[in-house]
Amino acid sequence: MITLRLRVWGLVQGVGFRFYTKRLADQLQINGMVKNKIDASVEIIVQDTPERAYAFVDRVKTSPPSPYAKIRSSTLEIIENEPIYKGFSIYY
């Protein structure tokens, strides 16, 4: 299992980005979470096999889950010592 942190900037808050991300994660049975950050970005934590986790990240970045979202930039990192997620949640 791998844990990835994807941060995206652009038009990603107030456009349903978190809800569409959760729906996509639920459809693909991906574990993790999504939340808005104070700097107007969105943070997505993804836990799965490396192949599935990277495929999910690629899908979010290349075809944002919200039709109104526009990703201008993003960062991706592998993170350690993250708790184990069961399912996919929206954090507030």
PDB file of N, CA and C in Angstrom:
ATOM      1  N   MET A   1       0.848  -1.184   0.000  1.00  0.00           N
ATOM      2  CA  MET A   1       0.000   0.000   0.000  1.00  0.00           C
ATOM      3  C   MET A   1       0.886   1.237   0.000  1.00  0.00           C
ATOM      4  N   ILE A   2       0.395   2.276  -0.662  1.00  0.00           N
ATOM      5  CA  ILE A   2       1.090   3.557  -0.718  1.00  0.00           C
ATOM      6  C   ILE A   2       0.094   4.645  -0.323  1.00  0.00           C
ATOM      7  N   THR A   3       0.619   5.720   0.277  1.00  0.00           N
ATOM      8  CA  THR A   3      -0.207   6.882   0.608  1.00  0.00           C
ATOM      9  C   THR A   3       0.356   8.084  -0.132  1.00  0.00           C
ATOM     10  N   LEU A   4      -0.496   8.729  -0.919  1.00  0.00           N
ATOM     11  CA  LEU A   4      -0.106   9.903  -1.695  1.00  0.00           C
ATOM     12  C   LEU A   4      -0.884  11.115  -1.220  1.00  0.00           C
ATOM     13  N   ARG A   5      -0.219  12.272  -1.245  1.00  0.00           N
ATOM     14  CA  ARG A   5      -0.894  13.545  -0.979  1.00  0.00           C
ATOM     15  C   ARG A   5      -0.851  14.367  -2.259  1.00  0.00           C
ATOM     16  N   LEU A   6      -2.022  14.636  -2.796  1.00  0.00           N
ATOM     17  CA  LEU A   6      -2.164  15.491  -3.972  1.00  0.00           C
ATOM     18  C   LEU A   6      -2.743  16.814  -3.514  1.00  0.00           C
ATOM     19  N   ARG A   7      -2.078  17.910  -3.852  1.00  0.00           N
ATOM     20  CA  ARG A   7      -2.620  19.260  -3.602  1.00  0.00           C
ATOM     21  C   ARG A   7      -2.869  19.890  -4.956  1.00  0.00           C
ATOM     22  N   VAL A   8      -4.050  20.474  -5.110  1.00  0.00           N
ATOM     23  CA  VAL A   8      -4.398  21.130  -6.366  1.00  0.00           C
ATOM     24  C   VAL A   8      -4.813  22.568  -6.097  1.00  0.00           C
ATOM     25  N   TRP A   9      -4.412  23.462  -7.006  1.00  0.00           N
ATOM     26  CA  TRP A   9      -4.751  24.876  -6.946  1.00  0.00           C
ATOM     27  C   TRP A   9      -5.458  25.263  -8.235  1.00  0.00           C
ATOM     28  N   GLY A  10      -6.222  26.312  -8.161  1.00  0.00           N
ATOM     29  CA  GLY A  10      -6.970  26.808  -9.309  1.00  0.00           C
ATOM     30  C   GLY A  10      -8.398  27.075  -8.883  1.00  0.00           C
ATOM     31  N   LEU A  11      -9.333  26.813  -9.762  1.00  0.00           N
ATOM     32  CA  LEU A  11     -10.752  26.928  -9.426  1.00  0.00           C
ATOM     33  C   LEU A  11     -11.193  25.561  -8.901  1.00  0.00           C
ATOM     34  N   VAL A  12     -10.908  25.319  -7.613  1.00  0.00           N
ATOM     35  CA  VAL A  12     -11.149  24.000  -7.021  1.00  0.00           C
ATOM     36  C   VAL A  12     -11.980  24.066  -5.739  1.00  0.00           C
ATOM     37  N   GLN A  13     -12.319  25.268  -5.284  1.00  0.00           N
ATOM     38  CA  GLN A  13     -13.195  25.397  -4.118  1.00  0.00           C
ATOM     39  C   GLN A  13     -14.477  26.097  -4.550  1.00  0.00           C
ATOM     40  N   GLY A  14     -15.586  25.655  -3.972  1.00  0.00           N
ATOM     41  CA  GLY A  14     -16.877  26.250  -4.294  1.00  0.00           C
ATOM     42  C   GLY A  14     -17.478  25.765  -5.603  1.00  0.00           C
ATOM     43  N   VAL A  15     -16.913  24.700  -6.167  1.00  0.00           N
ATOM     44  CA  VAL A  15     -17.402  24.180  -7.450  1.00  0.00           C
ATOM     45  C   VAL A  15     -17.757  22.693  -7.370  1.00  0.00           C
ATOM     46  N   GLY A  16     -17.854  22.149  -6.165  1.00  0.00           N
ATOM     47  CA  GLY A  16     -18.199  20.741  -5.993  1.00  0.00           C
ATOM     48  C   GLY A  16     -17.049  19.778  -6.183  1.00  0.00           C
ATOM     49  N   PHE A  17     -15.819  20.296  -6.173  1.00  0.00           N
ATOM     50  CA  PHE A  17     -14.646  19.453  -6.424  1.00  0.00           C
ATOM     51  C   PHE A  17     -14.532  18.319  -5.415  1.00  0.00           C
ATOM     52  N   ARG A  18     -14.740  18.599  -4.127  1.00  0.00           N
ATOM     53  CA  ARG A  18     -14.616  17.553  -3.102  1.00  0.00           C
ATOM     54  C   ARG A  18     -15.670  16.470  -3.292  1.00  0.00           C
ATOM     55  N   PHE A  19     -16.889  16.866  -3.589  1.00  0.00           N
ATOM     56  CA  PHE A  19     -17.969  15.893  -3.742  1.00  0.00           C
ATOM     57  C   PHE A  19     -17.751  15.004  -4.968  1.00  0.00           C
ATOM     58  N   TYR A  20     -17.330  15.594  -6.076  1.00  0.00           N
ATOM     59  CA  TYR A  20     -17.036  14.804  -7.266  1.00  0.00           C
ATOM     60  C   TYR A  20     -15.838  13.890  -7.036  1.00  0.00           C
ATOM     61  N   THR A  21     -14.824  14.377  -6.300  1.00  0.00           N
ATOM     62  CA  THR A  21     -13.662  13.544  -5.988  1.00  0.00           C
ATOM     63  C   THR A  21     -14.086  12.343  -5.155  1.00  0.00           C
ATOM     64  N   LYS A  22     -14.939  12.581  -4.161  1.00  0.00           N
ATOM     65  CA  LYS A  22     -15.428  11.469  -3.336  1.00  0.00           C
ATOM     66  C   LYS A  22     -16.225  10.479  -4.173  1.00  0.00           C
ATOM     67  N   ARG A  23     -17.073  10.981  -5.048  1.00  0.00           N
ATOM     68  CA  ARG A  23     -17.871  10.076  -5.881  1.00  0.00           C
ATOM     69  C   ARG A  23     -16.967   9.204  -6.751  1.00  0.00           C
ATOM     70  N   LEU A  24     -15.939   9.804  -7.356  1.00  0.00           N
ATOM     71  CA  LEU A  24     -14.995   9.042  -8.165  1.00  0.00           C
ATOM     72  C   LEU A  24     -14.265   8.009  -7.311  1.00  0.00           C
ATOM     73  N   ALA A  25     -13.805   8.424  -6.132  1.00  0.00           N
ATOM     74  CA  ALA A  25     -13.104   7.499  -5.234  1.00  0.00           C
ATOM     75  C   ALA A  25     -14.011   6.344  -4.824  1.00  0.00           C
ATOM     76  N   ASP A  26     -15.261   6.640  -4.528  1.00  0.00           N
ATOM     77  CA  ASP A  26     -16.210   5.586  -4.152  1.00  0.00           C
ATOM     78  C   ASP A  26     -16.443   4.618  -5.316  1.00  0.00           C
ATOM     79  N   GLN A  27     -16.565   5.151  -6.524  1.00  0.00           N
ATOM     80  CA  GLN A  27     -16.765   4.291  -7.700  1.00  0.00           C
ATOM     81  C   GLN A  27     -15.578   3.357  -7.910  1.00  0.00           C
ATOM     82  N   LEU A  28     -14.376   3.874  -7.650  1.00  0.00           N
ATOM     83  CA  LEU A  28     -13.155   3.094  -7.875  1.00  0.00           C
ATOM     84  C   LEU A  28     -12.688   2.358  -6.624  1.00  0.00           C
ATOM     85  N   GLN A  29     -13.433   2.506  -5.538  1.00  0.00           N
ATOM     86  CA  GLN A  29     -13.108   1.877  -4.250  1.00  0.00           C
ATOM     87  C   GLN A  29     -11.710   2.268  -3.768  1.00  0.00           C
ATOM     88  N   ILE A  30     -11.456   3.577  -3.771  1.00  0.00           N
ATOM     89  CA  ILE A  30     -10.197   4.148  -3.303  1.00  0.00           C
ATOM     90  C   ILE A  30     -10.388   4.624  -1.869  1.00  0.00           C
ATOM     91  N   ASN A  31      -9.399   4.415  -1.024  1.00  0.00           N
ATOM     92  CA  ASN A  31      -9.431   4.899   0.359  1.00  0.00           C
ATOM     93  C   ASN A  31      -8.711   6.235   0.453  1.00  0.00           C
ATOM     94  N   GLY A  32      -9.170   7.083   1.392  1.00  0.00           N
ATOM     95  CA  GLY A  32      -8.498   8.353   1.620  1.00  0.00           C
ATOM     96  C   GLY A  32      -9.461   9.430   2.049  1.00  0.00           C
ATOM     97  N   MET A  33      -9.102  10.665   1.727  1.00  0.00           N
ATOM     98  CA  MET A  33      -9.932  11.805   2.109  1.00  0.00           C
ATOM     99  C   MET A  33      -9.620  12.992   1.218  1.00  0.00           C
ATOM    100  N   VAL A  34     -10.534  13.970   1.267  1.00  0.00           N
ATOM    101  CA  VAL A  34     -10.361  15.220   0.535  1.00  0.00           C
ATOM    102  C   VAL A  34     -10.820  16.356   1.438  1.00  0.00           C
ATOM    103  N   LYS A  35     -10.101  17.493   1.392  1.00  0.00           N
ATOM    104  CA  LYS A  35     -10.529  18.650   2.184  1.00  0.00           C
ATOM    105  C   LYS A  35     -10.015  19.938   1.566  1.00  0.00           C
ATOM    106  N   ASN A  36     -10.773  21.018   1.792  1.00  0.00           N
ATOM    107  CA  ASN A  36     -10.346  22.355   1.397  1.00  0.00           C
ATOM    108  C   ASN A  36      -9.275  22.834   2.356  1.00  0.00           C
ATOM    109  N   LYS A  37      -8.319  23.590   1.838  1.00  0.00           N
ATOM    110  CA  LYS A  37      -7.262  24.179   2.653  1.00  0.00           C
ATOM    111  C   LYS A  37      -7.445  25.697   2.678  1.00  0.00           C
ATOM    112  N   ILE A  38      -6.878  26.326   3.690  1.00  0.00           N
ATOM    113  CA  ILE A  38      -7.025  27.771   3.896  1.00  0.00           C
ATOM    114  C   ILE A  38      -6.443  28.584   2.738  1.00  0.00           C
ATOM    115  N   ASP A  39      -5.464  28.026   2.016  1.00  0.00           N
ATOM    116  CA  ASP A  39      -4.825  28.755   0.912  1.00  0.00           C
ATOM    117  C   ASP A  39      -5.586  28.606  -0.417  1.00  0.00           C
ATOM    118  N   ALA A  40      -6.838  28.150  -0.349  1.00  0.00           N
ATOM    119  CA  ALA A  40      -7.726  27.977  -1.511  1.00  0.00           C
ATOM    120  C   ALA A  40      -7.383  26.749  -2.352  1.00  0.00           C
ATOM    121  N   SER A  41      -6.508  25.898  -1.851  1.00  0.00           N
ATOM    122  CA  SER A  41      -6.219  24.642  -2.540  1.00  0.00           C
ATOM    123  C   SER A  41      -7.121  23.546  -1.985  1.00  0.00           C
ATOM    124  N   VAL A  42      -7.041  22.391  -2.602  1.00  0.00           N
ATOM    125  CA  VAL A  42      -7.712  21.194  -2.103  1.00  0.00           C
ATOM    126  C   VAL A  42      -6.644  20.128  -1.909  1.00  0.00           C
ATOM    127  N   GLU A  43      -6.709  19.447  -0.770  1.00  0.00           N
ATOM    128  CA  GLU A  43      -5.783  18.361  -0.453  1.00  0.00           C
ATOM    129  C   GLU A  43      -6.522  17.037  -0.578  1.00  0.00           C
ATOM    130  N   ILE A  44      -5.896  16.096  -1.267  1.00  0.00           N
ATOM    131  CA  ILE A  44      -6.465  14.761  -1.431  1.00  0.00           C
ATOM    132  C   ILE A  44      -5.432  13.752  -0.946  1.00  0.00           C
ATOM    133  N   ILE A  45      -5.839  12.895  -0.020  1.00  0.00           N
ATOM    134  CA  ILE A  45      -4.998  11.796   0.442  1.00  0.00           C
ATOM    135  C   ILE A  45      -5.552  10.523  -0.184  1.00  0.00           C
ATOM    136  N   VAL A  46      -4.681   9.746  -0.805  1.00  0.00           N
ATOM    137  CA  VAL A  46      -5.074   8.525  -1.505  1.00  0.00           C
ATOM    138  C   VAL A  46      -4.272   7.359  -0.944  1.00  0.00           C
ATOM    139  N   GLN A  47      -4.960   6.290  -0.545  1.00  0.00           N
ATOM    140  CA  GLN A  47      -4.294   5.072  -0.079  1.00  0.00           C
ATOM    141  C   GLN A  47      -4.796   3.885  -0.890  1.00  0.00           C
ATOM    142  N   ASP A  48      -3.873   3.189  -1.504  1.00  0.00           N
ATOM    143  CA  ASP A  48      -4.219   1.986  -2.259  1.00  0.00           C
ATOM    144  C   ASP A  48      -2.913   1.365  -2.737  1.00  0.00           C
ATOM    145  N   THR A  49      -3.006   0.416  -3.644  1.00  0.00           N
ATOM    146  CA  THR A  49      -1.794  -0.096  -4.262  1.00  0.00           C
ATOM    147  C   THR A  49      -1.181   1.045  -5.074  1.00  0.00           C
ATOM    148  N   PRO A  50       0.120   1.004  -5.310  1.00  0.00           N
ATOM    149  CA  PRO A  50       0.724   2.087  -6.096  1.00  0.00           C
ATOM    150  C   PRO A  50       0.050   2.287  -7.458  1.00  0.00           C
ATOM    151  N   GLU A  51      -0.251   1.201  -8.147  1.00  0.00           N
ATOM    152  CA  GLU A  51      -0.858   1.315  -9.476  1.00  0.00           C
ATOM    153  C   GLU A  51      -2.210   2.020  -9.411  1.00  0.00           C
ATOM    154  N   ARG A  52      -3.056   1.607  -8.478  1.00  0.00           N
ATOM    155  CA  ARG A  52      -4.396   2.196  -8.361  1.00  0.00           C
ATOM    156  C   ARG A  52      -4.337   3.629  -7.842  1.00  0.00           C
ATOM    157  N   ALA A  53      -3.440   3.896  -6.895  1.00  0.00           N
ATOM    158  CA  ALA A  53      -3.328   5.246  -6.332  1.00  0.00           C
ATOM    159  C   ALA A  53      -2.872   6.243  -7.402  1.00  0.00           C
ATOM    160  N   TYR A  54      -1.825   5.888  -8.148  1.00  0.00           N
ATOM    161  CA  TYR A  54      -1.344   6.789  -9.197  1.00  0.00           C
ATOM    162  C   TYR A  54      -2.367   6.939 -10.325  1.00  0.00           C
ATOM    163  N   ALA A  55      -3.093   5.886 -10.642  1.00  0.00           N
ATOM    164  CA  ALA A  55      -4.130   5.975 -11.677  1.00  0.00           C
ATOM    165  C   ALA A  55      -5.245   6.927 -11.241  1.00  0.00           C
ATOM    166  N   PHE A  56      -5.629   6.871  -9.969  1.00  0.00           N
ATOM    167  CA  PHE A  56      -6.655   7.778  -9.447  1.00  0.00           C
ATOM    168  C   PHE A  56      -6.173   9.226  -9.527  1.00  0.00           C
ATOM    169  N   VAL A  57      -4.936   9.472  -9.092  1.00  0.00           N
ATOM    170  CA  VAL A  57      -4.368  10.823  -9.140  1.00  0.00           C
ATOM    171  C   VAL A  57      -4.351  11.330 -10.581  1.00  0.00           C
ATOM    172  N   ASP A  58      -3.913  10.496 -11.507  1.00  0.00           N
ATOM    173  CA  ASP A  58      -3.882  10.906 -12.916  1.00  0.00           C
ATOM    174  C   ASP A  58      -5.274  11.258 -13.423  1.00  0.00           C
ATOM    175  N   ARG A  59      -6.248  10.479 -13.021  1.00  0.00           N
ATOM    176  CA  ARG A  59      -7.624  10.749 -13.473  1.00  0.00           C
ATOM    177  C   ARG A  59      -8.150  12.065 -12.910  1.00  0.00           C
ATOM    178  N   VAL A  60      -7.873  12.329 -11.631  1.00  0.00           N
ATOM    179  CA  VAL A  60      -8.306  13.602 -11.029  1.00  0.00           C
ATOM    180  C   VAL A  60      -7.633  14.774 -11.736  1.00  0.00           C
ATOM    181  N   LYS A  61      -6.333  14.644 -12.026  1.00  0.00           N
ATOM    182  CA  LYS A  61      -5.590  15.747 -12.633  1.00  0.00           C
ATOM    183  C   LYS A  61      -5.941  15.969 -14.104  1.00  0.00           C
ATOM    184  N   THR A  62      -6.192  14.911 -14.852  1.00  0.00           N
ATOM    185  CA  THR A  62      -6.418  15.074 -16.289  1.00  0.00           C
ATOM    186  C   THR A  62      -7.874  15.348 -16.637  1.00  0.00           C
ATOM    187  N   SER A  63      -8.786  14.865 -15.830  1.00  0.00           N
ATOM    188  CA  SER A  63     -10.204  15.168 -16.044  1.00  0.00           C
ATOM    189  C   SER A  63     -10.824  15.407 -14.682  1.00  0.00           C
ATOM    190  N   PRO A  64     -10.699  16.651 -14.194  1.00  0.00           N
ATOM    191  CA  PRO A  64     -11.183  16.953 -12.849  1.00  0.00           C
ATOM    192  C   PRO A  64     -12.602  16.444 -12.647  1.00  0.00           C
ATOM    193  N   PRO A  65     -12.854  15.903 -11.460  1.00  0.00           N
ATOM    194  CA  PRO A  65     -14.145  15.297 -11.192  1.00  0.00           C
ATOM    195  C   PRO A  65     -15.311  16.278 -11.243  1.00  0.00           C
ATOM    196  N   SER A  66     -15.061  17.564 -11.147  1.00  0.00           N
ATOM    197  CA  SER A  66     -16.133  18.558 -11.230  1.00  0.00           C
ATOM    198  C   SER A  66     -16.084  19.227 -12.600  1.00  0.00           C
ATOM    199  N   PRO A  67     -17.226  19.354 -13.282  1.00  0.00           N
ATOM    200  CA  PRO A  67     -17.205  20.001 -14.597  1.00  0.00           C
ATOM    201  C   PRO A  67     -16.838  21.482 -14.532  1.00  0.00           C
ATOM    202  N   TYR A  68     -16.941  22.099 -13.369  1.00  0.00           N
ATOM    203  CA  TYR A  68     -16.633  23.523 -13.213  1.00  0.00           C
ATOM    204  C   TYR A  68     -15.213  23.765 -12.729  1.00  0.00           C
ATOM    205  N   ALA A  69     -14.532  22.732 -12.282  1.00  0.00           N
ATOM    206  CA  ALA A  69     -13.191  22.885 -11.715  1.00  0.00           C
ATOM    207  C   ALA A  69     -12.159  23.106 -12.813  1.00  0.00           C
ATOM    208  N   LYS A  70     -11.152  23.897 -12.466  1.00  0.00           N
ATOM    209  CA  LYS A  70     -10.022  24.122 -13.360  1.00  0.00           C
ATOM    210  C   LYS A  70      -8.755  24.052 -12.517  1.00  0.00           C
ATOM    211  N   ILE A  71      -7.988  22.993 -12.689  1.00  0.00           N
ATOM    212  CA  ILE A  71      -6.735  22.836 -11.955  1.00  0.00           C
ATOM    213  C   ILE A  71      -5.659  23.623 -12.685  1.00  0.00           C
ATOM    214  N   ARG A  72      -5.033  24.551 -11.969  1.00  0.00           N
ATOM    215  CA  ARG A  72      -3.955  25.368 -12.549  1.00  0.00           C
ATOM    216  C   ARG A  72      -2.578  24.780 -12.228  1.00  0.00           C
ATOM    217  N   SER A  73      -2.438  24.208 -11.033  1.00  0.00           N
ATOM    218  CA  SER A  73      -1.172  23.587 -10.646  1.00  0.00           C
ATOM    219  C   SER A  73      -1.448  22.532  -9.588  1.00  0.00           C
ATOM    220  N   SER A  74      -0.455  21.668  -9.386  1.00  0.00           N
ATOM    221  CA  SER A  74      -0.615  20.608  -8.393  1.00  0.00           C
ATOM    222  C   SER A  74       0.750  20.140  -7.909  1.00  0.00           C
ATOM    223  N   THR A  75       0.741  19.513  -6.745  1.00  0.00           N
ATOM    224  CA  THR A  75       1.931  18.842  -6.223  1.00  0.00           C
ATOM    225  C   THR A  75       1.509  17.447  -5.790  1.00  0.00           C
ATOM    226  N   LEU A  76       2.448  16.521  -5.845  1.00  0.00           N
ATOM    227  CA  LEU A  76       2.184  15.149  -5.439  1.00  0.00           C
ATOM    228  C   LEU A  76       3.373  14.652  -4.648  1.00  0.00           C
ATOM    229  N   GLU A  77       3.090  14.032  -3.509  1.00  0.00           N
ATOM    230  CA  GLU A  77       4.167  13.469  -2.703  1.00  0.00           C
ATOM    231  C   GLU A  77       3.708  12.176  -2.049  1.00  0.00           C
ATOM    232  N   ILE A  78       4.663  11.312  -1.795  1.00  0.00           N
ATOM    233  CA  ILE A  78       4.424  10.108  -1.003  1.00  0.00           C
ATOM    234  C   ILE A  78       4.568  10.513   0.449  1.00  0.00           C
ATOM    235  N   ILE A  79       3.625  10.098   1.287  1.00  0.00           N
ATOM    236  CA  ILE A  79       3.712  10.446   2.704  1.00  0.00           C
ATOM    237  C   ILE A  79       3.775   9.175   3.544  1.00  0.00           C
ATOM    238  N   GLU A  80       4.439   9.301   4.670  1.00  0.00           N
ATOM    239  CA  GLU A  80       4.631   8.189   5.599  1.00  0.00           C
ATOM    240  C   GLU A  80       3.841   8.455   6.872  1.00  0.00           C
ATOM    241  N   ASN A  81       3.600   7.418   7.635  1.00  0.00           N
ATOM    242  CA  ASN A  81       2.979   7.518   8.965  1.00  0.00           C
ATOM    243  C   ASN A  81       1.592   8.141   8.949  1.00  0.00           C
ATOM    244  N   GLU A  82       0.890   7.989   7.872  1.00  0.00           N
ATOM    245  CA  GLU A  82      -0.487   8.475   7.790  1.00  0.00           C
ATOM    246  C   GLU A  82      -1.396   7.379   8.345  1.00  0.00           C
ATOM    247  N   PRO A  83      -2.458   7.748   9.061  1.00  0.00           N
ATOM    248  CA  PRO A  83      -3.369   6.705   9.544  1.00  0.00           C
ATOM    249  C   PRO A  83      -3.984   5.936   8.371  1.00  0.00           C
ATOM    250  N   ILE A  84      -4.445   4.744   8.652  1.00  0.00           N
ATOM    251  CA  ILE A  84      -5.096   3.926   7.630  1.00  0.00           C
ATOM    252  C   ILE A  84      -6.534   4.416   7.448  1.00  0.00           C
ATOM    253  N   TYR A  85      -6.890   4.702   6.218  1.00  0.00           N
ATOM    254  CA  TYR A  85      -8.244   5.161   5.902  1.00  0.00           C
ATOM    255  C   TYR A  85      -9.098   3.976   5.477  1.00  0.00           C
ATOM    256  N   LYS A  86     -10.329   3.989   5.894  1.00  0.00           N
ATOM    257  CA  LYS A  86     -11.327   3.000   5.474  1.00  0.00           C
ATOM    258  C   LYS A  86     -12.384   3.754   4.679  1.00  0.00           C
ATOM    259  N   GLY A  87     -12.460   3.511   3.401  1.00  0.00           N
ATOM    260  CA  GLY A  87     -13.368   4.273   2.559  1.00  0.00           C
ATOM    261  C   GLY A  87     -12.770   5.632   2.226  1.00  0.00           C
ATOM    262  N   PHE A  88     -13.591   6.507   1.689  1.00  0.00           N
ATOM    263  CA  PHE A  88     -13.138   7.839   1.286  1.00  0.00           C
ATOM    264  C   PHE A  88     -14.067   8.868   1.905  1.00  0.00           C
ATOM    265  N   SER A  89     -13.492   9.866   2.571  1.00  0.00           N
ATOM    266  CA  SER A  89     -14.282  10.849   3.318  1.00  0.00           C
ATOM    267  C   SER A  89     -13.986  12.267   2.865  1.00  0.00           C
ATOM    268  N   ILE A  90     -14.969  13.127   3.052  1.00  0.00           N
ATOM    269  CA  ILE A  90     -14.781  14.568   2.905  1.00  0.00           C
ATOM    270  C   ILE A  90     -14.557  15.114   4.300  1.00  0.00           C
ATOM    271  N   TYR A  91     -13.429  15.793   4.506  1.00  0.00           N
ATOM    272  CA  TYR A  91     -13.130  16.416   5.797  1.00  0.00           C
ATOM    273  C   TYR A  91     -13.474  17.892   5.704  1.00  0.00           C
ATOM    274  N   TYR A  92     -14.047  18.404   6.794  1.00  0.00           N
ATOM    275  CA  TYR A  92     -14.442  19.813   6.849  1.00  0.00           C
ATOM    276  C   TYR A  92     -13.579  20.550   7.840  1.00  0.00           C
TER     277      TYR A  92
END
